[in-house]
Amino acid sequence: MLKKLLLAYILIGLPFMEVSTLNAQDCNPHKIARKYKDNLGDYKYDSYAYNEVQFTDKPQTIEVIFSAYSRSIYKLVFGTSLFDENVKVNIYDKSARVKNRKKLYDNNSGIDNMFWEILIDKPGTYYIDYDIPAKDKSASSDGCMVILIGFKNSPPPTGKK
């Protein structure tokens, strides 16, 4: 009797376990980071940042803060979990809470919606905004964005002007 009951629970729960596994694999930040890591080129890999994206009926913005330190040049590589929506990536000098912020970069020049990279050569705090569109009728319900961070030391100043 106990074996039959256990078998019934396993058979009922198995389809749900498979769906959870598939969703987790689609949004695996380690897998995405490995996929795009070669795009760092000669920059030393430092780390990655991961954000889940939930596509809803309304557009939304997720803001991520990135600090760049002096004497380094950074390369940021953006990768996604291959969702259909066109997420805009914009980088600003100030937070969204500040009225007169300046847009420094955007992904209009990216290769496609799945991959984009920039170089940051000035120290400071940068605000990366993911502008997430409203969910399309036939599109994904969730996904994730990964930022790979690479750096190299900038050459010392020569003293010449």
Protein backbone atom coordinates (compact mmCIF):
# COMPACT_ATOMS: atom_id res chain seq x y z
CA MET A 1 0.00 0.00 0.00
CA LEU A 2 2.79 2.42 0.95
CA LYS A 3 4.69 1.60 -2.26
CA LYS A 4 1.58 2.28 -4.39
CA LEU A 5 0.99 5.61 -2.64
CA LEU A 6 4.63 6.64 -3.11
CA LEU A 7 4.50 5.63 -6.78
CA ALA A 8 1.32 7.69 -7.26
CA TYR A 9 2.99 10.80 -5.76
CA ILE A 10 6.03 10.35 -8.00
CA LEU A 11 3.92 9.92 -11.15
CA ILE A 12 1.77 12.95 -10.33
CA GLY A 13 4.75 15.16 -9.43
CA LEU A 14 7.10 14.10 -12.27
CA PRO A 15 5.64 16.39 -14.97
CA PHE A 16 5.90 19.40 -12.65
CA MET A 17 9.52 18.57 -11.81
CA GLU A 18 10.39 18.46 -15.51
CA VAL A 19 8.84 21.89 -16.17
CA SER A 20 10.73 23.40 -13.22
CA THR A 21 13.98 21.91 -14.48
CA LEU A 22 13.43 23.29 -17.98
CA ASN A 23 12.74 26.81 -16.67
CA ALA A 24 15.76 26.69 -14.39
CA GLN A 25 17.99 25.63 -17.30
CA ASP A 26 16.71 28.48 -19.49
CA CYS A 27 17.64 31.00 -16.82
CA ASN A 28 20.91 29.50 -15.61
CA PRO A 29 23.31 32.45 -15.08
CA HIS A 30 26.40 30.19 -14.99
CA LYS A 31 25.48 28.72 -18.37
CA ILE A 32 24.84 32.15 -19.90
CA ALA A 33 28.11 33.50 -18.44
CA ARG A 34 30.06 30.58 -19.96
CA LYS A 35 28.36 31.13 -23.32
CA TYR A 36 29.41 34.79 -23.57
CA LYS A 37 32.70 34.71 -21.60
CA ASP A 38 34.86 34.46 -24.75
CA ASN A 39 33.47 37.85 -25.82
CA LEU A 40 35.56 39.46 -23.07
CA GLY A 41 38.57 38.90 -25.33
CA ASP A 42 41.80 40.04 -23.69
CA TYR A 43 39.98 41.51 -20.67
CA LYS A 44 40.41 39.65 -17.38
CA TYR A 45 37.15 38.07 -16.26
CA ASP A 46 36.11 39.55 -12.92
CA SER A 47 32.52 38.50 -12.23
CA TYR A 48 28.97 38.58 -13.48
CA ALA A 49 25.71 40.08 -12.29
CA TYR A 50 22.38 38.35 -12.80
CA ASN A 51 18.85 39.73 -12.93
CA GLU A 52 15.63 37.82 -13.43
CA VAL A 53 13.17 39.39 -15.85
CA GLN A 54 9.43 38.87 -15.46
CA PHE A 55 7.42 39.91 -18.50
CA THR A 56 4.04 41.29 -17.40
CA ASP A 57 1.16 43.18 -19.01
CA LYS A 58 2.89 46.50 -18.26
CA PRO A 59 6.34 47.78 -19.29
CA GLN A 60 8.87 48.06 -16.47
CA THR A 61 12.44 49.12 -15.74
CA ILE A 62 15.06 47.33 -13.67
CA GLU A 63 17.99 49.48 -12.57
CA VAL A 64 21.40 47.95 -11.81
CA ILE A 65 24.30 49.93 -10.34
CA PHE A 66 27.85 49.40 -11.62
CA SER A 67 30.94 51.06 -10.08
CA ALA A 68 34.04 51.55 -12.20
CA TYR A 69 37.31 52.21 -10.42
CA SER A 70 40.22 54.34 -11.56
CA ARG A 71 43.21 52.79 -13.35
CA SER A 72 41.00 50.16 -15.01
CA ILE A 73 39.11 49.86 -18.26
CA TYR A 74 36.02 47.68 -18.10
CA LYS A 75 34.27 45.65 -20.72
CA LEU A 76 30.66 44.75 -19.99
CA VAL A 77 29.12 41.93 -21.98
CA PHE A 78 25.36 41.50 -21.76
CA GLY A 79 23.79 38.10 -22.40
CA THR A 80 20.24 36.83 -22.10
CA SER A 81 18.37 33.58 -21.65
CA LEU A 82 17.21 33.86 -25.30
CA PHE A 83 13.77 35.36 -24.78
CA ASP A 84 11.84 36.91 -27.67
CA GLU A 85 11.19 40.38 -26.28
CA ASN A 86 13.36 43.33 -27.24
CA VAL A 87 14.76 44.52 -23.90
CA LYS A 88 16.47 47.92 -24.15
CA VAL A 89 19.68 48.42 -22.21
CA ASN A 90 20.57 52.02 -21.34
CA ILE A 91 23.45 53.25 -19.20
CA TYR A 92 23.20 56.58 -17.39
CA ASP A 93 25.45 58.76 -15.25
CA LYS A 94 22.80 59.11 -12.52
CA SER A 95 19.93 57.15 -11.02
CA ALA A 96 16.41 57.19 -12.46
CA ARG A 97 15.40 59.24 -9.41
CA VAL A 98 17.45 62.18 -10.73
CA LYS A 99 15.75 64.38 -13.35
CA ASN A 100 18.78 65.64 -15.28
CA ARG A 101 20.63 62.41 -15.85
CA LYS A 102 22.55 61.83 -19.07
CA LYS A 103 22.34 58.71 -21.22
CA LEU A 104 25.88 57.47 -21.89
CA TYR A 105 25.24 54.23 -23.83
CA ASP A 106 22.38 52.22 -25.25
CA ASN A 107 22.07 48.92 -27.07
CA ASN A 108 20.88 50.34 -30.38
CA SER A 109 24.32 49.46 -31.74
CA GLY A 110 24.23 45.90 -30.39
CA ILE A 111 24.66 42.84 -32.56
CA ASP A 112 21.20 41.55 -31.68
CA ASN A 113 18.87 41.35 -28.71
CA MET A 114 20.87 38.49 -27.17
CA PHE A 115 24.35 40.04 -26.98
CA TRP A 116 25.78 43.51 -26.48
CA GLU A 117 29.04 44.93 -25.11
CA ILE A 118 30.52 48.28 -24.08
CA LEU A 119 33.80 49.68 -22.78
CA ILE A 120 33.91 51.92 -19.70
CA ASP A 121 37.16 53.79 -19.26
CA LYS A 122 36.22 56.46 -16.69
CA PRO A 123 35.82 55.82 -12.97
CA GLY A 124 32.44 56.45 -11.42
CA THR A 125 29.06 54.96 -10.68
CA TYR A 126 26.93 53.95 -13.65
CA TYR A 127 23.24 53.10 -13.71
CA ILE A 128 22.23 50.33 -16.08
CA ASP A 129 18.51 50.32 -16.90
CA TYR A 130 16.79 47.35 -18.47
CA ASP A 131 13.64 48.67 -20.15
CA ILE A 132 11.39 45.63 -20.29
CA PRO A 133 8.44 45.81 -22.69
CA ALA A 134 4.97 44.56 -21.90
CA LYS A 135 4.49 40.87 -22.52
CA ASP A 136 3.42 39.99 -26.04
CA LYS A 137 0.63 37.45 -26.48
CA SER A 138 2.95 34.79 -27.89
CA ALA A 139 6.14 35.75 -26.05
CA SER A 140 8.07 34.54 -23.00
CA SER A 141 6.80 34.98 -19.46
CA ASP A 142 10.23 35.22 -17.86
CA GLY A 143 13.93 35.21 -18.54
CA CYS A 144 17.16 36.61 -17.24
CA MET A 145 19.91 39.08 -18.08
CA VAL A 146 23.56 38.50 -17.24
CA ILE A 147 26.30 41.15 -17.27
CA LEU A 148 29.83 39.75 -17.52
CA ILE A 149 32.45 42.11 -16.17
CA GLY A 150 35.99 42.11 -17.48
CA PHE A 151 38.78 44.60 -16.85
CA LYS A 152 42.31 45.52 -17.76
CA ASN A 153 44.62 48.00 -16.12
CA SER A 154 44.87 51.26 -17.97
CA PRO A 155 48.35 52.44 -18.92
CA PRO A 156 50.00 54.85 -16.47
CA PRO A 157 49.83 58.52 -17.43
CA THR A 158 52.81 59.75 -19.46
CA GLY A 159 52.88 63.22 -17.97
CA LYS A 160 52.61 64.81 -21.44
CA LYS A 161 49.70 67.01 -22.40
